[in-house]
Amino acid sequence: MDIAILCNGAFPRKDYPRYLLRSADRIVCCDGALVSFLRHTETIFGRPSDAPRLPDAVVGDMDSLPAKYRRLYSDRIVPVAEQEHNDQTKAVLYAAARWPEVTDIHILGATGLREDHTIGNLSLLMEYARMEELRGIRIESVSDYGTAFAVTDTCELEVGEGRRFSLFSPDNSLRIRSEGLVWPTDGVVFDNWWKATLNRASADTVRLTFSHPSLALIILD
C-alpha cells in the first residue's frame, strides 16, 4: 500500500509528485495542508463526476486549519495535541498505525515557503529510519526539485548515470566510501552540511560503504 502525506509547504507543481498524490491508496493531510489540497483537487484528480477526492485523514494539532474546515471535515479530522513531534511526524506515525499494510510513504509539500520547516522536515527522515514502529516502510520526501530519503548502512542505489547526488550525515565519526560518484566521499568528515553535497553519479549504480551503521540523508534531483 502506498500512502501520500501532504504537508503545508509548497504544493507540488510538477508531474511526478502530483502523480504520487493522485495514485496513492491513502492520502493524509497535515493540518492546514487540507486547504491546499482542496484548492488543487480538480487539477490533480480532474473534475469529479459525483464527489471530489478527499483525504482519508487530516492529522495535526490543528493550529493552522481554520475552524470552518474543522467543522466541514470533522469525520476525518485526527487532532494530536502533543508537541513532542511536528505535524509531519504525527501524520507518518498515524499512517503507519492506521494502515499496518503500508509499504511506501511519499511525503509531499514538506519543503519550500520556510527554510526552517524544510531543514527540519528533511532531517526527520533520518529519525524515521531508526523508529521501530516504522521499520520496513520505505519513506521518502518528494518535491518539484528532488527526492530525499535516509539510509542507515552500506547500500547500493540504482540512481542512473548523471543524476545529481547530495549526501548528509549528523555523525561526524562516520566515514562513507563511495563508488559511482564523480567526486568520491571516502575522505569526507561530516562536520558540516555542505561537505558531500552537489555531487553527481558517474554510473547507474552508486555504492556507499559505511564505516559503521549510522544515519545519512540522500537527496537526488
N, C-alpha and C. Protein backbone atom coordinates (compact mmCIF):
# COMPACT_ATOMS: atom_id res chain seq x y z
N MET A 1 0.84 -1.20 0.00
CA MET A 1 0.00 0.00 0.00
C MET A 1 0.86 1.25 0.00
N ASP A 2 0.53 2.19 -0.85
CA ASP A 2 1.21 3.49 -0.93
C ASP A 2 0.36 4.55 -0.23
N ILE A 3 1.01 5.36 0.61
CA ILE A 3 0.34 6.46 1.28
C ILE A 3 1.05 7.76 0.93
N ALA A 4 0.29 8.76 0.55
CA ALA A 4 0.84 10.11 0.33
C ALA A 4 0.47 10.97 1.52
N ILE A 5 1.47 11.65 2.06
CA ILE A 5 1.27 12.60 3.15
C ILE A 5 1.56 13.99 2.61
N LEU A 6 0.58 14.87 2.68
CA LEU A 6 0.74 16.22 2.17
C LEU A 6 0.97 17.18 3.32
N CYS A 7 2.15 17.82 3.34
CA CYS A 7 2.47 18.83 4.34
C CYS A 7 2.08 20.21 3.84
N ASN A 8 2.21 21.20 4.70
CA ASN A 8 1.70 22.53 4.39
C ASN A 8 2.79 23.45 3.86
N GLY A 9 3.71 22.89 3.07
CA GLY A 9 4.73 23.70 2.43
C GLY A 9 4.30 24.05 1.01
N ALA A 10 5.27 24.11 0.10
CA ALA A 10 4.97 24.44 -1.30
C ALA A 10 4.23 23.28 -1.96
N PHE A 11 3.05 23.55 -2.47
CA PHE A 11 2.28 22.49 -3.13
C PHE A 11 2.97 22.09 -4.42
N PRO A 12 3.11 20.78 -4.67
CA PRO A 12 3.85 20.35 -5.87
C PRO A 12 3.17 20.79 -7.17
N ARG A 13 4.01 21.21 -8.12
CA ARG A 13 3.52 21.65 -9.42
C ARG A 13 3.89 20.70 -10.54
N LYS A 14 4.94 19.89 -10.34
CA LYS A 14 5.42 19.03 -11.41
C LYS A 14 4.68 17.70 -11.43
N ASP A 15 4.81 17.00 -12.55
CA ASP A 15 4.00 15.81 -12.81
C ASP A 15 4.27 14.68 -11.81
N TYR A 16 5.56 14.42 -11.48
CA TYR A 16 5.85 13.24 -10.67
C TYR A 16 5.26 13.33 -9.26
N PRO A 17 5.52 14.40 -8.50
CA PRO A 17 4.90 14.43 -7.17
C PRO A 17 3.37 14.46 -7.22
N ARG A 18 2.81 15.07 -8.25
CA ARG A 18 1.35 15.06 -8.39
C ARG A 18 0.84 13.66 -8.72
N TYR A 19 1.62 12.92 -9.50
CA TYR A 19 1.26 11.53 -9.77
C TYR A 19 1.23 10.71 -8.48
N LEU A 20 2.23 10.92 -7.61
CA LEU A 20 2.26 10.19 -6.34
C LEU A 20 1.02 10.50 -5.51
N LEU A 21 0.58 11.73 -5.53
CA LEU A 21 -0.63 12.10 -4.79
C LEU A 21 -1.87 11.47 -5.43
N ARG A 22 -1.94 11.55 -6.74
CA ARG A 22 -3.11 11.05 -7.46
C ARG A 22 -3.25 9.53 -7.35
N SER A 23 -2.13 8.82 -7.34
CA SER A 23 -2.18 7.35 -7.38
C SER A 23 -2.11 6.71 -6.00
N ALA A 24 -1.98 7.49 -4.95
CA ALA A 24 -1.86 6.92 -3.60
C ALA A 24 -3.12 6.15 -3.20
N ASP A 25 -2.92 5.06 -2.47
CA ASP A 25 -4.05 4.31 -1.95
C ASP A 25 -4.74 5.06 -0.82
N ARG A 26 -3.96 5.79 -0.04
CA ARG A 26 -4.49 6.61 1.05
C ARG A 26 -3.79 7.97 1.03
N ILE A 27 -4.51 9.01 1.42
CA ILE A 27 -3.95 10.36 1.48
C ILE A 27 -4.18 10.92 2.87
N VAL A 28 -3.11 11.46 3.46
CA VAL A 28 -3.19 12.09 4.77
C VAL A 28 -2.69 13.52 4.62
N CYS A 29 -3.47 14.49 5.07
CA CYS A 29 -3.05 15.89 5.08
C CYS A 29 -2.58 16.28 6.47
N CYS A 30 -1.53 17.07 6.53
CA CYS A 30 -1.05 17.62 7.79
C CYS A 30 -1.79 18.94 8.04
N ASP A 31 -2.73 18.91 8.96
CA ASP A 31 -3.32 20.14 9.47
C ASP A 31 -3.79 21.05 8.34
N GLY A 32 -3.19 22.25 8.22
CA GLY A 32 -3.60 23.25 7.25
C GLY A 32 -3.37 22.87 5.80
N ALA A 33 -2.64 21.79 5.54
CA ALA A 33 -2.45 21.33 4.16
C ALA A 33 -3.76 20.92 3.52
N LEU A 34 -4.78 20.66 4.33
CA LEU A 34 -6.10 20.35 3.77
C LEU A 34 -6.59 21.47 2.86
N VAL A 35 -6.33 22.71 3.24
CA VAL A 35 -6.80 23.85 2.44
C VAL A 35 -6.15 23.82 1.06
N SER A 36 -4.84 23.59 1.01
CA SER A 36 -4.14 23.49 -0.28
C SER A 36 -4.64 22.31 -1.09
N PHE A 37 -4.86 21.19 -0.42
CA PHE A 37 -5.36 20.00 -1.11
C PHE A 37 -6.70 20.30 -1.79
N LEU A 38 -7.61 20.90 -1.06
CA LEU A 38 -8.93 21.20 -1.62
C LEU A 38 -8.84 22.19 -2.78
N ARG A 39 -7.92 23.13 -2.68
CA ARG A 39 -7.75 24.13 -3.73
C ARG A 39 -7.26 23.49 -5.03
N HIS A 40 -6.49 22.40 -4.92
CA HIS A 40 -5.90 21.78 -6.11
C HIS A 40 -6.57 20.48 -6.51
N THR A 41 -7.66 20.12 -5.85
CA THR A 41 -8.29 18.81 -6.10
C THR A 41 -8.63 18.59 -7.57
N GLU A 42 -9.26 19.57 -8.18
CA GLU A 42 -9.68 19.38 -9.57
C GLU A 42 -8.49 19.27 -10.50
N THR A 43 -7.43 20.04 -10.24
CA THR A 43 -6.22 19.97 -11.07
C THR A 43 -5.57 18.61 -10.98
N ILE A 44 -5.54 18.03 -9.77
CA ILE A 44 -4.86 16.75 -9.57
C ILE A 44 -5.71 15.59 -10.07
N PHE A 45 -6.98 15.58 -9.72
CA PHE A 45 -7.83 14.41 -9.96
C PHE A 45 -8.81 14.58 -11.11
N GLY A 46 -8.90 15.78 -11.67
CA GLY A 46 -9.88 16.02 -12.71
C GLY A 46 -11.23 16.38 -12.12
N ARG A 47 -12.14 16.79 -12.96
CA ARG A 47 -13.46 17.19 -12.50
C ARG A 47 -14.23 15.96 -12.02
N PRO A 48 -14.66 15.95 -10.78
CA PRO A 48 -15.35 14.75 -10.25
C PRO A 48 -16.72 14.56 -10.87
N SER A 49 -17.11 13.30 -11.05
CA SER A 49 -18.43 13.01 -11.60
C SER A 49 -19.50 13.07 -10.53
N ASP A 50 -19.14 12.76 -9.30
CA ASP A 50 -20.14 12.80 -8.23
C ASP A 50 -19.63 13.54 -7.01
N ALA A 51 -18.50 13.09 -6.46
CA ALA A 51 -17.94 13.72 -5.26
C ALA A 51 -16.43 13.87 -5.43
N PRO A 52 -15.85 14.95 -4.91
CA PRO A 52 -14.42 15.14 -5.06
C PRO A 52 -13.63 14.16 -4.20
N ARG A 53 -12.40 13.89 -4.61
CA ARG A 53 -11.50 13.05 -3.80
C ARG A 53 -11.13 13.82 -2.55
N LEU A 54 -11.28 13.20 -1.40
CA LEU A 54 -10.94 13.82 -0.13
C LEU A 54 -9.82 13.04 0.53
N PRO A 55 -9.03 13.68 1.37
CA PRO A 55 -8.03 12.93 2.12
C PRO A 55 -8.71 11.96 3.08
N ASP A 56 -8.02 10.87 3.37
CA ASP A 56 -8.58 9.88 4.29
C ASP A 56 -8.47 10.33 5.74
N ALA A 57 -7.51 11.22 6.00
CA ALA A 57 -7.35 11.75 7.36
C ALA A 57 -6.65 13.09 7.29
N VAL A 58 -6.93 13.93 8.28
CA VAL A 58 -6.24 15.21 8.45
C VAL A 58 -5.67 15.18 9.87
N VAL A 59 -4.34 15.18 9.98
CA VAL A 59 -3.68 14.92 11.25
C VAL A 59 -2.84 16.12 11.68
N GLY A 60 -2.87 16.46 12.95
CA GLY A 60 -2.03 17.53 13.47
C GLY A 60 -2.64 18.17 14.69
N ASP A 61 -2.01 19.26 15.14
CA ASP A 61 -2.54 19.94 16.32
C ASP A 61 -3.64 20.94 15.95
N MET A 62 -3.89 21.09 14.65
CA MET A 62 -4.98 21.91 14.11
C MET A 62 -4.78 23.41 14.36
N ASP A 63 -3.55 23.81 14.59
CA ASP A 63 -3.31 25.24 14.83
C ASP A 63 -3.34 26.06 13.55
N SER A 64 -3.23 25.41 12.38
CA SER A 64 -3.22 26.16 11.13
C SER A 64 -4.42 25.82 10.24
N LEU A 65 -5.40 25.11 10.78
CA LEU A 65 -6.58 24.76 10.00
C LEU A 65 -7.76 25.59 10.49
N PRO A 66 -8.31 26.45 9.63
CA PRO A 66 -9.45 27.29 10.05
C PRO A 66 -10.61 26.47 10.58
N ALA A 67 -11.35 27.07 11.50
CA ALA A 67 -12.44 26.37 12.19
C ALA A 67 -13.49 25.83 11.21
N LYS A 68 -13.76 26.56 10.13
CA LYS A 68 -14.81 26.10 9.21
C LYS A 68 -14.45 24.78 8.56
N TYR A 69 -13.13 24.56 8.31
CA TYR A 69 -12.71 23.29 7.73
C TYR A 69 -12.77 22.17 8.76
N ARG A 70 -12.49 22.51 10.02
CA ARG A 70 -12.60 21.51 11.08
C ARG A 70 -14.04 21.05 11.22
N ARG A 71 -14.99 21.96 11.00
CA ARG A 71 -16.40 21.58 11.08
C ARG A 71 -16.83 20.78 9.85
N LEU A 72 -16.46 21.26 8.67
CA LEU A 72 -16.90 20.63 7.44
C LEU A 72 -16.36 19.21 7.27
N TYR A 73 -15.14 18.99 7.75
CA TYR A 73 -14.48 17.70 7.54
C TYR A 73 -14.19 17.01 8.86
N SER A 74 -15.10 17.17 9.81
CA SER A 74 -14.90 16.63 11.15
C SER A 74 -14.80 15.11 11.16
N ASP A 75 -15.36 14.46 10.13
CA ASP A 75 -15.34 12.99 10.09
C ASP A 75 -13.96 12.42 9.80
N ARG A 76 -13.02 13.27 9.37
CA ARG A 76 -11.67 12.78 9.07
C ARG A 76 -10.58 13.57 9.80
N ILE A 77 -10.98 14.42 10.70
CA ILE A 77 -10.02 15.18 11.49
C ILE A 77 -9.48 14.30 12.62
N VAL A 78 -8.13 14.24 12.74
CA VAL A 78 -7.47 13.47 13.79
C VAL A 78 -6.58 14.43 14.58
N PRO A 79 -7.10 15.07 15.62
CA PRO A 79 -6.29 16.01 16.39
C PRO A 79 -5.27 15.28 17.27
N VAL A 80 -4.03 15.75 17.23
CA VAL A 80 -2.97 15.20 18.07
C VAL A 80 -2.33 16.40 18.77
N ALA A 81 -2.61 16.55 20.05
CA ALA A 81 -2.22 17.77 20.76
C ALA A 81 -0.76 17.78 21.20
N GLU A 82 -0.15 16.62 21.39
CA GLU A 82 1.22 16.60 21.94
C GLU A 82 2.19 17.37 21.03
N GLN A 83 3.20 17.96 21.64
CA GLN A 83 4.14 18.82 20.90
C GLN A 83 5.55 18.23 20.85
N GLU A 84 5.67 16.94 21.13
CA GLU A 84 6.97 16.28 21.00
C GLU A 84 7.34 16.04 19.54
N HIS A 85 6.32 15.98 18.69
CA HIS A 85 6.53 15.75 17.26
C HIS A 85 5.85 16.85 16.46
N ASN A 86 6.39 17.13 15.27
CA ASN A 86 5.71 18.09 14.40
C ASN A 86 4.60 17.38 13.63
N ASP A 87 3.84 18.14 12.85
CA ASP A 87 2.68 17.57 12.18
C ASP A 87 3.08 16.50 11.15
N GLN A 88 4.22 16.69 10.49
CA GLN A 88 4.66 15.67 9.54
C GLN A 88 4.86 14.33 10.24
N THR A 89 5.55 14.35 11.38
CA THR A 89 5.80 13.10 12.11
C THR A 89 4.52 12.52 12.66
N LYS A 90 3.63 13.37 13.15
CA LYS A 90 2.33 12.87 13.63
C LYS A 90 1.59 12.15 12.50
N ALA A 91 1.64 12.71 11.29
CA ALA A 91 0.96 12.09 10.16
C ALA A 91 1.61 10.77 9.77
N VAL A 92 2.94 10.72 9.77
CA VAL A 92 3.66 9.49 9.43
C VAL A 92 3.32 8.38 10.44
N LEU A 93 3.39 8.71 11.72
CA LEU A 93 3.10 7.71 12.75
C LEU A 93 1.64 7.26 12.71
N TYR A 94 0.75 8.19 12.46
CA TYR A 94 -0.67 7.84 12.33
C TYR A 94 -0.88 6.88 11.17
N ALA A 95 -0.30 7.20 10.02
CA ALA A 95 -0.49 6.38 8.82
C ALA A 95 0.03 4.96 9.05
N ALA A 96 1.20 4.84 9.67
CA ALA A 96 1.77 3.51 9.91
C ALA A 96 0.91 2.69 10.87
N ALA A 97 0.32 3.35 11.86
CA ALA A 97 -0.52 2.65 12.83
C ALA A 97 -1.90 2.34 12.25
N ARG A 98 -2.45 3.27 11.49
CA ARG A 98 -3.81 3.11 10.96
C ARG A 98 -3.86 2.08 9.84
N TRP A 99 -2.81 2.03 9.01
CA TRP A 99 -2.77 1.10 7.88
C TRP A 99 -1.48 0.28 7.97
N PRO A 100 -1.45 -0.76 8.80
CA PRO A 100 -0.21 -1.53 9.01
C PRO A 100 0.29 -2.24 7.76
N GLU A 101 -0.53 -2.32 6.73
CA GLU A 101 -0.09 -2.96 5.48
C GLU A 101 0.70 -2.01 4.59
N VAL A 102 0.92 -0.78 5.02
CA VAL A 102 1.64 0.20 4.20
C VAL A 102 3.06 -0.26 3.91
N THR A 103 3.49 -0.07 2.67
CA THR A 103 4.87 -0.39 2.27
C THR A 103 5.66 0.86 1.93
N ASP A 104 4.97 1.90 1.44
CA ASP A 104 5.65 3.12 0.99
C ASP A 104 4.89 4.35 1.46
N ILE A 105 5.65 5.32 1.98
CA ILE A 105 5.07 6.62 2.34
C ILE A 105 5.81 7.69 1.55
N HIS A 106 5.06 8.47 0.77
CA HIS A 106 5.62 9.57 0.00
C HIS A 106 5.17 10.87 0.65
N ILE A 107 6.12 11.64 1.14
CA ILE A 107 5.81 12.91 1.80
C ILE A 107 5.94 14.02 0.76
N LEU A 108 4.89 14.79 0.59
CA LEU A 108 4.85 15.87 -0.39
C LEU A 108 4.60 17.18 0.33
N GLY A 109 5.06 18.28 -0.27
CA GLY A 109 4.81 19.59 0.33
C GLY A 109 5.57 19.84 1.62
N ALA A 110 6.65 19.11 1.85
CA ALA A 110 7.41 19.25 3.09
C ALA A 110 8.46 20.35 3.02
N THR A 111 8.69 20.88 1.82
CA THR A 111 9.74 21.88 1.62
C THR A 111 9.14 23.15 1.02
N GLY A 112 9.97 24.17 0.90
CA GLY A 112 9.52 25.44 0.36
C GLY A 112 8.84 26.31 1.39
N LEU A 113 8.65 27.54 1.08
CA LEU A 113 7.96 28.55 1.91
C LEU A 113 8.78 28.95 3.13
N ARG A 114 9.24 27.98 3.93
CA ARG A 114 10.03 28.30 5.12
C ARG A 114 11.26 27.40 5.19
N GLU A 115 12.45 28.02 5.30
CA GLU A 115 13.68 27.25 5.35
C GLU A 115 13.76 26.39 6.60
N ASP A 116 13.26 26.89 7.75
CA ASP A 116 13.36 26.10 8.97
C ASP A 116 12.51 24.84 8.89
N HIS A 117 11.31 24.95 8.31
CA HIS A 117 10.49 23.76 8.12
C HIS A 117 11.14 22.79 7.15
N THR A 118 11.73 23.32 6.08
CA THR A 118 12.39 22.47 5.10
C THR A 118 13.51 21.65 5.75
N ILE A 119 14.40 22.31 6.47
CA ILE A 119 15.52 21.61 7.10
C ILE A 119 15.01 20.60 8.12
N GLY A 120 14.06 21.03 8.95
CA GLY A 120 13.53 20.12 9.96
C GLY A 120 12.85 18.91 9.37
N ASN A 121 11.99 19.12 8.37
CA ASN A 121 11.25 18.01 7.78
C ASN A 121 12.17 17.01 7.08
N LEU A 122 13.18 17.50 6.37
CA LEU A 122 14.10 16.59 5.69
C LEU A 122 14.95 15.81 6.70
N SER A 123 15.40 16.48 7.75
CA SER A 123 16.23 15.78 8.74
C SER A 123 15.44 14.69 9.45
N LEU A 124 14.13 14.87 9.56
CA LEU A 124 13.30 13.88 10.23
C LEU A 124 13.28 12.54 9.50
N LEU A 125 13.60 12.53 8.23
CA LEU A 125 13.67 11.25 7.50
C LEU A 125 14.68 10.32 8.16
N MET A 126 15.77 10.89 8.71
CA MET A 126 16.75 10.06 9.39
C MET A 126 16.21 9.54 10.71
N GLU A 127 15.38 10.34 11.39
CA GLU A 127 14.75 9.86 12.62
C GLU A 127 13.81 8.69 12.32
N TYR A 128 13.05 8.80 11.24
CA TYR A 128 12.11 7.73 10.90
C TYR A 128 12.84 6.42 10.63
N ALA A 129 14.05 6.53 10.07
CA ALA A 129 14.80 5.32 9.71
C ALA A 129 15.19 4.49 10.93
N ARG A 130 15.17 5.09 12.12
CA ARG A 130 15.53 4.32 13.31
C ARG A 130 14.35 4.12 14.26
N MET A 131 13.13 4.47 13.84
CA MET A 131 11.96 4.23 14.66
C MET A 131 11.45 2.82 14.44
N GLU A 132 11.30 2.07 15.52
CA GLU A 132 10.86 0.68 15.42
C GLU A 132 9.49 0.58 14.77
N GLU A 133 8.58 1.50 15.08
CA GLU A 133 7.22 1.42 14.54
C GLU A 133 7.15 1.70 13.04
N LEU A 134 8.26 2.20 12.46
CA LEU A 134 8.29 2.48 11.03
C LEU A 134 9.20 1.51 10.27
N ARG A 135 9.70 0.52 10.96
CA ARG A 135 10.63 -0.42 10.34
C ARG A 135 9.96 -1.14 9.17
N GLY A 136 10.67 -1.23 8.06
CA GLY A 136 10.16 -1.93 6.89
C GLY A 136 9.36 -1.07 5.94
N ILE A 137 9.13 0.18 6.29
CA ILE A 137 8.38 1.09 5.42
C ILE A 137 9.37 2.00 4.68
N ARG A 138 9.26 2.08 3.38
CA ARG A 138 10.09 2.99 2.60
C ARG A 138 9.47 4.38 2.68
N ILE A 139 10.23 5.33 3.20
CA ILE A 139 9.73 6.68 3.39
C ILE A 139 10.62 7.66 2.63
N GLU A 140 10.02 8.49 1.81
CA GLU A 140 10.77 9.48 1.04
C GLU A 140 10.00 10.78 1.02
N SER A 141 10.74 11.87 0.83
CA SER A 141 10.15 13.19 0.67
C SER A 141 10.40 13.63 -0.77
N VAL A 142 9.34 13.98 -1.48
CA VAL A 142 9.44 14.31 -2.90
C VAL A 142 8.91 15.73 -3.12
N SER A 143 9.70 16.52 -3.84
CA SER A 143 9.28 17.88 -4.19
C SER A 143 9.43 18.06 -5.69
N ASP A 144 9.20 19.27 -6.17
CA ASP A 144 9.40 19.57 -7.58
C ASP A 144 10.87 19.51 -7.97
N TYR A 145 11.76 19.48 -7.00
CA TYR A 145 13.20 19.60 -7.28
C TYR A 145 14.01 18.37 -6.94
N GLY A 146 13.42 17.41 -6.23
CA GLY A 146 14.22 16.24 -5.89
C GLY A 146 13.49 15.28 -4.96
N THR A 147 14.20 14.19 -4.68
CA THR A 147 13.71 13.14 -3.79
C THR A 147 14.72 12.91 -2.69
N ALA A 148 14.26 12.89 -1.44
CA ALA A 148 15.14 12.70 -0.29
C ALA A 148 14.72 11.45 0.47
N PHE A 149 15.71 10.70 0.96
CA PHE A 149 15.44 9.51 1.76
C PHE A 149 16.66 9.22 2.62
N ALA A 150 16.46 8.41 3.64
CA ALA A 150 17.54 8.10 4.57
C ALA A 150 18.07 6.69 4.33
N VAL A 151 19.35 6.49 4.63
CA VAL A 151 19.96 5.16 4.65
C VAL A 151 20.70 5.01 5.97
N THR A 152 20.88 3.78 6.40
CA THR A 152 21.46 3.54 7.72
C THR A 152 22.69 2.66 7.70
N ASP A 153 23.07 2.17 6.52
CA ASP A 153 24.24 1.30 6.45
C ASP A 153 24.65 1.16 4.99
N THR A 154 25.67 0.35 4.75
CA THR A 154 26.16 0.09 3.40
C THR A 154 25.01 -0.28 2.47
N CYS A 155 25.02 0.31 1.26
CA CYS A 155 23.90 0.08 0.34
C CYS A 155 24.34 0.32 -1.09
N GLU A 156 23.56 -0.22 -2.03
CA GLU A 156 23.69 0.06 -3.45
C GLU A 156 22.41 0.72 -3.93
N LEU A 157 22.56 1.81 -4.66
CA LEU A 157 21.41 2.59 -5.10
C LEU A 157 21.42 2.70 -6.62
N GLU A 158 20.31 2.30 -7.24
CA GLU A 158 20.16 2.44 -8.69
C GLU A 158 19.61 3.84 -8.97
N VAL A 159 20.48 4.76 -9.33
CA VAL A 159 20.07 6.16 -9.48
C VAL A 159 20.10 6.65 -10.91
N GLY A 160 20.91 6.03 -11.76
CA GLY A 160 21.05 6.48 -13.13
C GLY A 160 22.24 7.41 -13.30
N GLU A 161 23.06 7.13 -14.28
CA GLU A 161 24.26 7.94 -14.51
C GLU A 161 23.89 9.39 -14.79
N GLY A 162 24.63 10.32 -14.20
CA GLY A 162 24.43 11.74 -14.42
C GLY A 162 23.50 12.40 -13.43
N ARG A 163 22.87 11.62 -12.57
CA ARG A 163 21.91 12.20 -11.63
C ARG A 163 22.64 12.96 -10.53
N ARG A 164 22.11 14.11 -10.15
CA ARG A 164 22.69 14.88 -9.06
C ARG A 164 22.48 14.15 -7.74
N PHE A 165 23.48 14.22 -6.88
CA PHE A 165 23.51 13.37 -5.69
C PHE A 165 24.14 14.15 -4.55
N SER A 166 23.40 14.37 -3.47
CA SER A 166 23.95 15.02 -2.28
C SER A 166 23.78 14.11 -1.08
N LEU A 167 24.75 14.15 -0.18
CA LEU A 167 24.81 13.24 0.96
C LEU A 167 25.06 14.04 2.23
N PHE A 168 24.28 13.75 3.25
CA PHE A 168 24.41 14.44 4.54
C PHE A 168 24.43 13.39 5.66
N SER A 169 25.10 13.72 6.75
CA SER A 169 25.02 12.87 7.93
C SER A 169 25.27 13.73 9.17
N PRO A 170 24.55 13.45 10.27
CA PRO A 170 24.80 14.16 11.53
C PRO A 170 25.92 13.50 12.34
N ASP A 171 26.52 12.43 11.82
CA ASP A 171 27.51 11.64 12.56
C ASP A 171 28.91 11.97 12.05
N ASN A 172 29.67 12.80 12.79
CA ASN A 172 30.99 13.18 12.29
C ASN A 172 32.04 12.09 12.50
N SER A 173 31.65 10.97 13.11
CA SER A 173 32.58 9.84 13.20
C SER A 173 32.39 8.87 12.03
N LEU A 174 31.35 9.07 11.25
CA LEU A 174 31.05 8.18 10.14
C LEU A 174 31.93 8.49 8.93
N ARG A 175 32.44 7.44 8.31
CA ARG A 175 33.14 7.57 7.03
C ARG A 175 32.37 6.74 6.01
N ILE A 176 32.18 7.32 4.83
CA ILE A 176 31.42 6.65 3.78
C ILE A 176 32.29 6.58 2.52
N ARG A 177 32.67 5.37 2.16
CA ARG A 177 33.42 5.17 0.92
C ARG A 177 32.42 4.99 -0.21
N SER A 178 32.65 5.69 -1.32
CA SER A 178 31.68 5.67 -2.41
C SER A 178 32.27 5.11 -3.69
N GLU A 179 31.43 4.46 -4.47
CA GLU A 179 31.75 4.04 -5.84
C GLU A 179 30.61 4.50 -6.72
N GLY A 180 30.93 5.07 -7.87
CA GLY A 180 29.90 5.51 -8.79
C GLY A 180 29.54 6.97 -8.68
N LEU A 181 30.36 7.75 -7.94
CA LEU A 181 30.16 9.20 -7.86
C LEU A 181 31.34 9.90 -8.52
N VAL A 182 31.08 11.06 -9.12
CA VAL A 182 32.15 11.82 -9.78
C VAL A 182 33.22 12.19 -8.76
N TRP A 183 32.80 12.63 -7.58
CA TRP A 183 33.75 13.00 -6.53
C TRP A 183 33.58 12.04 -5.36
N PRO A 184 34.52 11.11 -5.15
CA PRO A 184 34.41 10.13 -4.07
C PRO A 184 34.28 10.80 -2.71
N THR A 185 33.53 10.15 -1.84
CA THR A 185 33.29 10.69 -0.49
C THR A 185 34.20 10.07 0.56
N ASP A 186 35.19 9.29 0.12
CA ASP A 186 35.99 8.49 1.05
C ASP A 186 36.62 9.31 2.17
N GLY A 187 37.07 10.51 1.88
CA GLY A 187 37.76 11.30 2.89
C GLY A 187 36.90 12.35 3.57
N VAL A 188 35.61 12.34 3.32
CA VAL A 188 34.73 13.38 3.86
C VAL A 188 34.51 13.18 5.36
N VAL A 189 34.68 14.25 6.11
CA VAL A 189 34.30 14.29 7.52
C VAL A 189 32.99 15.06 7.61
N PHE A 190 31.97 14.44 8.12
CA PHE A 190 30.64 15.05 8.12
C PHE A 190 30.48 15.97 9.33
N ASP A 191 31.18 17.09 9.27
CA ASP A 191 31.11 18.06 10.37
C ASP A 191 30.42 19.35 9.96
N ASN A 192 29.85 19.36 8.74
CA ASN A 192 29.00 20.46 8.31
C ASN A 192 28.14 19.98 7.16
N TRP A 193 27.03 20.66 6.92
CA TRP A 193 26.02 20.16 6.00
C TRP A 193 26.49 20.10 4.55
N TRP A 194 27.38 20.97 4.15
CA TRP A 194 27.72 21.08 2.74
C TRP A 194 28.75 20.04 2.28
N LYS A 195 29.35 19.30 3.20
CA LYS A 195 30.58 18.58 2.94
C LYS A 195 30.50 17.56 1.79
N ALA A 196 29.34 16.94 1.56
CA ALA A 196 29.25 15.94 0.48
C ALA A 196 28.05 16.22 -0.43
N THR A 197 27.82 17.51 -0.64
CA THR A 197 26.69 17.91 -1.49
C THR A 197 27.15 18.18 -2.92
N LEU A 198 26.17 18.34 -3.80
CA LEU A 198 26.38 18.78 -5.20
C LEU A 198 27.29 17.83 -5.97
N ASN A 199 27.14 16.54 -5.70
CA ASN A 199 27.88 15.52 -6.43
C ASN A 199 27.04 15.06 -7.61
N ARG A 200 27.56 14.09 -8.35
CA ARG A 200 26.83 13.57 -9.50
C ARG A 200 27.21 12.11 -9.70
N ALA A 201 26.25 11.29 -10.09
CA ALA A 201 26.52 9.88 -10.33
C ALA A 201 27.30 9.70 -11.63
N SER A 202 28.38 8.95 -11.55
CA SER A 202 29.18 8.65 -12.75
C SER A 202 28.83 7.28 -13.32
N ALA A 203 27.91 6.59 -12.69
CA ALA A 203 27.44 5.27 -13.14
C ALA A 203 25.98 5.13 -12.76
N ASP A 204 25.32 4.12 -13.31
CA ASP A 204 23.92 3.91 -12.98
C ASP A 204 23.73 3.53 -11.52
N THR A 205 24.71 2.81 -10.96
CA THR A 205 24.62 2.33 -9.58
C THR A 205 25.66 3.05 -8.73
N VAL A 206 25.22 3.54 -7.59
CA VAL A 206 26.12 4.14 -6.60
C VAL A 206 26.18 3.20 -5.39
N ARG A 207 27.38 2.86 -4.97
CA ARG A 207 27.56 2.02 -3.79
C ARG A 207 28.18 2.87 -2.68
N LEU A 208 27.55 2.83 -1.51
CA LEU A 208 28.07 3.53 -0.34
C LEU A 208 28.44 2.50 0.72
N THR A 209 29.67 2.55 1.19
CA THR A 209 30.14 1.62 2.21
C THR A 209 30.36 2.38 3.51
N PHE A 210 29.56 2.08 4.53
CA PHE A 210 29.62 2.78 5.81
C PHE A 210 30.70 2.16 6.69
N SER A 211 31.39 3.01 7.44
CA SER A 211 32.37 2.50 8.41
C SER A 211 31.67 1.82 9.58
N HIS A 212 30.43 2.20 9.85
CA HIS A 212 29.61 1.56 10.88
C HIS A 212 28.17 1.98 10.64
N PRO A 213 27.20 1.20 11.12
CA PRO A 213 25.80 1.60 10.96
C PRO A 213 25.55 2.97 11.58
N SER A 214 24.87 3.82 10.83
CA SER A 214 24.63 5.19 11.30
C SER A 214 23.46 5.76 10.52
N LEU A 215 23.42 7.08 10.41
CA LEU A 215 22.34 7.74 9.69
C LEU A 215 22.91 8.65 8.61
N ALA A 216 22.29 8.62 7.44
CA ALA A 216 22.67 9.53 6.37
C ALA A 216 21.43 9.88 5.56
N LEU A 217 21.43 11.05 5.01
CA LEU A 217 20.34 11.54 4.17
C LEU A 217 20.86 11.74 2.76
N ILE A 218 20.12 11.23 1.80
CA ILE A 218 20.47 11.37 0.38
C ILE A 218 19.40 12.20 -0.30
N ILE A 219 19.83 13.14 -1.12
CA ILE A 219 18.89 13.93 -1.93
C ILE A 219 19.31 13.81 -3.39
N LEU A 220 18.38 13.33 -4.22
CA LEU A 220 18.60 13.20 -5.66
C LEU A 220 17.74 14.20 -6.39
N ASP A 221 18.21 14.62 -7.58
CA ASP A 221 17.37 15.55 -8.34
C ASP A 221 16.26 14.77 -9.05
